[in-house]
Protein backbone atom coordinates (compact mmCIF):
# COMPACT_ATOMS: atom_id res chain seq x y z
CA UNK A 1 49.60 -22.33 -40.00
CA UNK A 2 50.36 -25.00 -42.65
CA UNK A 3 50.22 -24.21 -46.31
CA UNK A 4 50.66 -26.33 -49.13
CA UNK A 5 51.47 -24.96 -52.69
CA UNK A 6 50.76 -27.12 -55.78
CA UNK A 7 51.26 -26.49 -59.46
CA UNK A 8 50.63 -29.07 -62.08
CA UNK A 9 52.90 -28.57 -65.14
CA UNK A 10 53.84 -30.37 -68.16
CA UNK A 11 57.25 -31.71 -68.63
CA UNK A 12 59.18 -34.20 -70.97
CA UNK A 13 61.20 -37.18 -69.92
CA UNK A 14 64.23 -37.05 -72.28
CA UNK A 15 65.77 -40.33 -73.56
CA UNK A 16 68.46 -41.15 -76.04
CA UNK A 17 66.19 -41.30 -78.79
CA UNK A 18 62.80 -39.71 -77.82
CA UNK A 19 60.90 -37.63 -75.36
CA UNK A 20 57.85 -38.56 -73.44
CA UNK A 21 55.38 -35.89 -72.28
CA UNK A 22 54.74 -36.42 -68.64
CA UNK A 23 52.49 -34.28 -66.30
CA UNK A 24 54.52 -33.40 -63.13
CA UNK A 25 53.09 -31.63 -59.92
CA UNK A 26 55.42 -29.16 -58.33
CA UNK A 27 54.66 -28.99 -54.53
CA UNK A 28 56.06 -26.74 -51.55
CA UNK A 29 54.99 -26.94 -48.10
CA UNK A 30 55.52 -24.59 -45.17
CA UNK A 31 56.58 -27.63 -42.88
CA UNK A 32 59.30 -28.27 -45.38
CA UNK A 33 60.26 -24.73 -46.54
CA UNK A 34 63.78 -25.50 -48.18
CA UNK A 35 62.35 -28.23 -50.63
CA UNK A 36 60.37 -28.44 -53.72
CA UNK A 37 58.70 -31.89 -54.40
CA UNK A 38 58.51 -33.23 -58.05
CA UNK A 39 55.62 -35.57 -58.29
CA UNK A 40 55.36 -37.93 -61.15
CA UNK A 41 52.44 -39.94 -61.93
CA UNK A 42 52.33 -43.74 -61.05
CA UNK A 43 52.11 -44.81 -64.83
CA UNK A 44 55.84 -43.51 -65.55
CA UNK A 45 57.39 -45.82 -62.77
CA UNK A 46 58.50 -49.38 -63.08
CA UNK A 47 56.46 -50.36 -59.89
CA UNK A 48 53.34 -48.22 -60.87
CA UNK A 49 53.73 -46.17 -57.62
CA UNK A 50 53.57 -42.44 -57.81
CA UNK A 51 57.13 -41.20 -57.51
CA UNK A 52 58.14 -38.00 -55.64
CA UNK A 53 61.74 -36.63 -55.81
CA UNK A 54 62.65 -33.81 -53.39
CA UNK A 55 64.85 -31.07 -54.52
CA UNK A 56 66.38 -28.18 -52.44
CA UNK A 57 64.47 -25.05 -53.56
CA UNK A 58 67.67 -23.05 -53.62
CA UNK A 59 69.44 -25.65 -56.15
CA UNK A 60 66.36 -25.30 -58.26
CA UNK A 61 66.19 -21.40 -58.25
CA UNK A 62 70.19 -21.42 -59.06
CA UNK A 63 69.80 -24.02 -61.89
CA UNK A 64 67.65 -21.66 -63.76
CA UNK A 65 70.37 -19.33 -64.62
CA UNK A 66 73.53 -21.66 -64.50
CA UNK A 67 74.37 -25.44 -64.08
CA UNK A 68 73.89 -26.38 -60.35
CA UNK A 69 74.03 -29.75 -58.62
CA UNK A 70 73.54 -31.22 -55.23
CA UNK A 71 73.91 -34.81 -54.43
CA UNK A 72 71.88 -36.89 -56.89
CA UNK A 73 70.13 -33.87 -58.56
CA UNK A 74 71.48 -31.57 -61.28
CA UNK A 75 69.72 -28.55 -62.65
CA UNK A 76 70.75 -26.66 -65.75
CA UNK A 77 69.37 -24.37 -68.47
CA UNK A 78 68.58 -26.06 -71.65
CA UNK A 79 68.29 -23.21 -74.28
CA UNK A 80 66.71 -19.78 -73.64
CA UNK A 81 63.28 -21.33 -72.58
CA UNK A 82 63.80 -24.51 -70.73
CA UNK A 83 65.50 -26.16 -67.83
CA UNK A 84 66.57 -29.86 -67.27
CA UNK A 85 66.48 -31.44 -64.10
CA UNK A 86 68.68 -34.74 -63.98
CA UNK A 87 67.88 -37.34 -61.40
CA UNK A 88 70.60 -39.80 -60.63
CA UNK A 89 69.96 -43.13 -59.34
CA UNK A 90 72.01 -46.42 -59.28
CA UNK A 91 69.89 -47.59 -62.18
CA UNK A 92 70.39 -44.72 -64.25
CA UNK A 93 69.67 -41.00 -64.91
CA UNK A 94 66.19 -39.58 -65.51
CA UNK A 95 66.56 -36.25 -67.36
CA UNK A 96 63.34 -34.17 -67.27
CA UNK A 97 62.69 -30.84 -69.20
CA UNK A 98 60.53 -28.18 -67.85
CA UNK A 99 59.61 -24.76 -69.25
CA UNK A 100 61.80 -22.39 -67.32
CA UNK A 101 58.83 -19.87 -66.94
CA UNK A 102 56.83 -22.59 -65.17
CA UNK A 103 59.50 -23.25 -62.50
CA UNK A 104 60.13 -19.58 -62.07
CA UNK A 105 56.59 -18.79 -61.54
CA UNK A 106 56.20 -21.71 -59.05
CA UNK A 107 59.38 -20.39 -57.13
CA UNK A 108 58.03 -16.99 -56.90
CA UNK A 109 54.79 -18.37 -55.55
CA UNK A 110 56.82 -20.43 -53.06
CA UNK A 111 58.51 -17.32 -51.71
CA UNK A 112 54.95 -15.98 -50.78
CA UNK A 113 54.56 -19.03 -48.57
CA UNK A 114 58.14 -19.04 -47.12
CA UNK A 115 60.77 -16.56 -47.44
CA UNK A 116 64.19 -17.68 -49.16
CA UNK A 117 65.68 -18.15 -45.86
CA UNK A 118 62.92 -20.50 -44.93
CA UNK A 119 61.01 -18.35 -42.62
CA UNK A 120 57.13 -18.84 -42.71
CA UNK A 121 55.35 -15.73 -44.20
CA UNK A 122 52.49 -16.09 -41.98
CA UNK A 123 52.42 -12.66 -40.54
CA UNK A 124 52.59 -11.04 -44.17
CA UNK A 125 49.84 -13.61 -45.17
CA UNK A 126 47.66 -12.72 -42.24
CA UNK A 127 47.93 -8.93 -43.09
CA UNK A 128 47.05 -9.81 -46.71
CA UNK A 129 43.97 -11.76 -45.80
CA UNK A 130 42.92 -8.92 -43.49
C-alpha cells in the first residue's frame, strides 16, 4: 500500500542581510522510506519551477539535536526552537530555518508510515484501521 504524508510548514530563507518567509511542504512516501522531500514553491527559484530537495530522513532527525551533514546537505540546531537546513550547490548555499517542533512532528508522523529502519508499517496500519 502506497502512503504519502505531506505537511505544509512555514520556513525562512536566510541571507546575509535579510530573511524571507517561504512556505515549504515536507513530504514522505512509503516508496522512498529513507527520504524526506522539501518542496519549495516555484516563485522562489530562478527558473520559476517548483524545487524539491531530497534529504535523508535520518540526517534530518540527527540534525535536530546536533550538527549533522551528508553530501550537499547540512542540518543543525539554531537556538532552542529552530533548525537550519543548508543546501549546498555550485551556485551557492541556501540556508532555510524551520521551527524544530514542526520538523519533529513531521518525523514522528513519518515513523507511523515507515519505521526508522525503512520498513513499511502496513500491518500496524491495517490493525489500526480495523
